[in-house]
């Protein structure tokens, strides 16, 4: 058996596709309608989540 160095990884890379909920969230952010916060604490406060 010969080993050939083709300069690439020896397996196929497969990226998972986002589900519909994730796609919708990404579209909201792109259209400037998503929740934006200055940091984690501000985001949790906006979402009314206790740290």
Protein backbone atom coordinates (compact mmCIF):
# COMPACT_ATOMS: atom_id res chain seq x y z
CA UNK A 1 0.00 0.00 0.00
CA UNK A 2 1.43 3.37 -1.02
CA UNK A 3 1.06 6.52 1.07
CA UNK A 4 0.68 9.69 -0.95
CA UNK A 5 1.19 13.11 0.62
CA UNK A 6 -1.37 15.32 -1.11
CA UNK A 7 -0.90 18.24 1.26
CA UNK A 8 -4.37 17.93 2.77
CA UNK A 9 -6.11 16.21 5.65
CA UNK A 10 -6.96 12.54 5.08
CA UNK A 11 -10.70 12.89 5.68
CA UNK A 12 -13.62 14.97 4.46
CA UNK A 13 -14.67 17.97 6.55
CA UNK A 14 -18.41 18.19 7.13
CA UNK A 15 -19.95 21.24 8.82
CA UNK A 16 -23.30 20.84 10.55
CA UNK A 17 -26.06 22.94 9.05
CA UNK A 18 -27.95 25.27 11.44
CA UNK A 19 -31.55 24.43 12.28
CA UNK A 20 -34.47 26.75 11.44
CA UNK A 21 -34.44 28.45 14.87
CA UNK A 22 -30.74 29.30 14.51
CA UNK A 23 -31.22 30.53 10.93
CA UNK A 24 -34.05 32.81 12.11
CA UNK A 25 -31.87 34.19 14.92
CA UNK A 26 -29.00 34.89 12.51
CA UNK A 27 -31.38 36.67 10.12
CA UNK A 28 -32.67 38.82 13.02
CA UNK A 29 -29.13 39.91 13.84
CA UNK A 30 -28.30 40.66 10.21
CA UNK A 31 -31.43 42.86 9.92
CA UNK A 32 -30.45 44.69 13.15
CA UNK A 33 -33.47 43.37 15.10
CA UNK A 34 -31.66 41.10 17.57
CA UNK A 35 -30.87 41.72 21.23
CA UNK A 36 -27.54 43.50 21.65
CA UNK A 37 -25.72 44.01 24.92
CA UNK A 38 -22.40 45.44 26.01
CA UNK A 39 -21.41 42.27 27.83
CA UNK A 40 -22.62 39.12 29.54
CA UNK A 41 -23.96 40.93 32.62
CA UNK A 42 -25.89 43.42 30.48
CA UNK A 43 -27.28 40.59 28.33
CA UNK A 44 -28.44 38.60 31.36
CA UNK A 45 -30.06 41.75 32.78
CA UNK A 46 -31.84 42.36 29.45
CA UNK A 47 -33.08 38.75 29.42
CA UNK A 48 -33.97 38.92 33.13
CA UNK A 49 -31.66 36.01 33.99
CA UNK A 50 -29.96 35.82 37.39
CA UNK A 51 -26.23 35.17 37.48
